[in-house]
Amino acid sequence: MEALFSWITEFFSTGIYELITGAFASLIEWLMLLKLKTMLWTLDFSWKIANTLIANLGVTSALNAAWGSFDSVTLSNLMFFKVPDAVNMILSALGTRFVLRFLPMGW
């Protein structure tokens, strides 16, 4: 009987603190994981919308027309340094950032 009372006393003196601390830590971990998953989903969603927006505005056709205006030597140098890929990535990033400003969640 004395062991039971000492266990109850120990639980109320230190056990409750450890129980509450562990539960709060688990809650924080779960909320952080939820926040990260929401951010990833929002980023993917925004990227898809930005690509659709860029395609609908005709930016791709304007870029193709601009690349066609260069002579062959300049165009081959730009292709060697992958400038068209870089311009595409920059435009996608700018479009994604523009769309992300309209979404209230995830950022």
Protein backbone atom coordinates (compact mmCIF):
# COMPACT_ATOMS: atom_id res chain seq x y z
CA MET A 1 0.00 0.00 0.00
CA GLU A 2 2.89 2.32 0.76
CA ALA A 3 4.30 1.75 -2.76
CA LEU A 4 0.96 2.79 -4.27
CA PHE A 5 0.90 6.03 -2.28
CA SER A 6 4.51 6.82 -3.20
CA TRP A 7 3.72 6.17 -6.88
CA ILE A 8 0.66 8.47 -6.69
CA THR A 9 2.71 11.15 -4.94
CA GLU A 10 5.52 10.87 -7.49
CA PHE A 11 3.03 11.01 -10.37
CA PHE A 12 1.41 14.20 -9.08
CA SER A 13 4.75 15.83 -8.29
CA THR A 14 6.68 15.03 -11.50
CA GLY A 15 4.58 12.76 -13.71
CA ILE A 16 1.92 15.30 -14.64
CA TYR A 17 4.58 17.78 -15.73
CA GLU A 18 6.22 15.17 -17.96
CA LEU A 19 2.83 14.09 -19.33
CA ILE A 20 1.79 17.65 -20.20
CA THR A 21 5.23 18.49 -21.62
CA GLY A 22 5.19 15.39 -23.84
CA ALA A 23 1.64 16.08 -25.04
CA PHE A 24 2.48 19.72 -25.82
CA ALA A 25 5.65 18.67 -27.70
CA SER A 26 3.63 16.17 -29.74
CA LEU A 27 1.06 18.85 -30.53
CA ILE A 28 3.78 21.28 -31.68
CA GLU A 29 5.37 18.59 -33.88
CA TRP A 30 2.00 17.79 -35.46
CA LEU A 31 1.25 21.47 -36.11
CA MET A 32 4.68 22.03 -37.68
CA LEU A 33 4.18 19.04 -39.98
CA LEU A 34 0.73 20.32 -40.94
CA LYS A 35 2.19 23.77 -41.70
CA LEU A 36 4.94 22.30 -43.89
CA LYS A 37 2.50 20.09 -45.80
CA THR A 38 0.20 23.07 -46.33
CA MET A 39 3.11 25.17 -47.60
CA LEU A 40 4.16 22.46 -50.07
CA TRP A 41 0.61 22.03 -51.33
CA THR A 42 0.20 25.79 -51.70
CA LEU A 43 3.47 26.08 -53.60
CA ASP A 44 2.50 23.29 -56.01
CA PHE A 45 -0.95 24.81 -56.49
CA SER A 46 0.49 28.27 -57.14
CA TRP A 47 3.06 26.95 -59.60
CA LYS A 48 0.34 25.27 -61.67
CA ILE A 49 -1.75 28.44 -61.69
CA ALA A 50 1.29 30.55 -62.64
CA ASN A 51 2.12 28.28 -65.57
CA THR A 52 -1.46 28.49 -66.79
CA LEU A 53 -1.40 32.27 -66.38
CA ILE A 54 1.85 32.59 -68.34
CA ALA A 55 0.48 30.38 -71.12
CA ASN A 56 -2.79 32.32 -71.31
CA LEU A 57 -1.06 35.69 -71.47
CA GLY A 58 0.97 34.61 -74.48
CA VAL A 59 4.34 35.11 -72.84
CA THR A 60 5.64 31.88 -74.35
CA SER A 61 4.86 32.94 -77.91
CA ALA A 62 6.41 36.36 -77.30
CA LEU A 63 9.59 34.71 -76.01
CA ASN A 64 9.73 32.37 -78.99
CA ALA A 65 9.39 35.36 -81.31
CA ALA A 66 12.17 37.15 -79.43
CA TRP A 67 14.47 34.12 -79.67
CA GLY A 68 13.74 33.95 -83.39
CA SER A 69 14.98 37.49 -83.89
CA PHE A 70 18.56 36.61 -82.87
CA ASP A 71 21.11 35.52 -85.46
CA SER A 72 22.33 31.92 -85.39
CA VAL A 73 25.66 32.60 -83.64
CA THR A 74 24.05 34.57 -80.82
CA LEU A 75 21.28 32.04 -80.50
CA SER A 76 23.74 29.15 -80.28
CA ASN A 77 25.69 30.98 -77.57
CA LEU A 78 22.49 31.65 -75.64
CA MET A 79 21.50 28.00 -75.98
CA PHE A 80 24.97 26.90 -74.81
CA PHE A 81 24.61 28.93 -71.62
CA LYS A 82 20.96 27.79 -71.28
CA VAL A 83 19.62 31.32 -71.14
CA PRO A 84 16.15 30.27 -72.38
CA ASP A 85 15.87 27.77 -69.52
CA ALA A 86 16.93 30.43 -67.04
CA VAL A 87 14.38 32.92 -68.41
CA ASN A 88 11.69 30.23 -68.17
CA MET A 89 12.58 29.49 -64.54
CA ILE A 90 12.61 33.17 -63.63
CA LEU A 91 9.22 33.79 -65.24
CA SER A 92 7.74 30.74 -63.50
CA ALA A 93 9.14 31.91 -60.17
CA LEU A 94 7.78 35.44 -60.63
CA GLY A 95 4.38 34.09 -61.63
CA THR A 96 4.33 31.72 -58.65
CA ARG A 97 5.23 34.55 -56.28
CA PHE A 98 2.47 36.68 -57.80
CA VAL A 99 -0.10 33.93 -57.25
CA LEU A 100 1.17 33.21 -53.71
CA ARG A 101 0.38 36.78 -52.70
CA PHE A 102 -3.31 36.05 -53.25
CA LEU A 103 -3.38 32.91 -51.10
CA PRO A 104 -3.88 33.53 -47.39
CA MET A 105 -2.65 30.12 -46.23
CA GLY A 106 0.73 28.49 -46.32
CA TRP A 107 3.02 31.53 -46.21
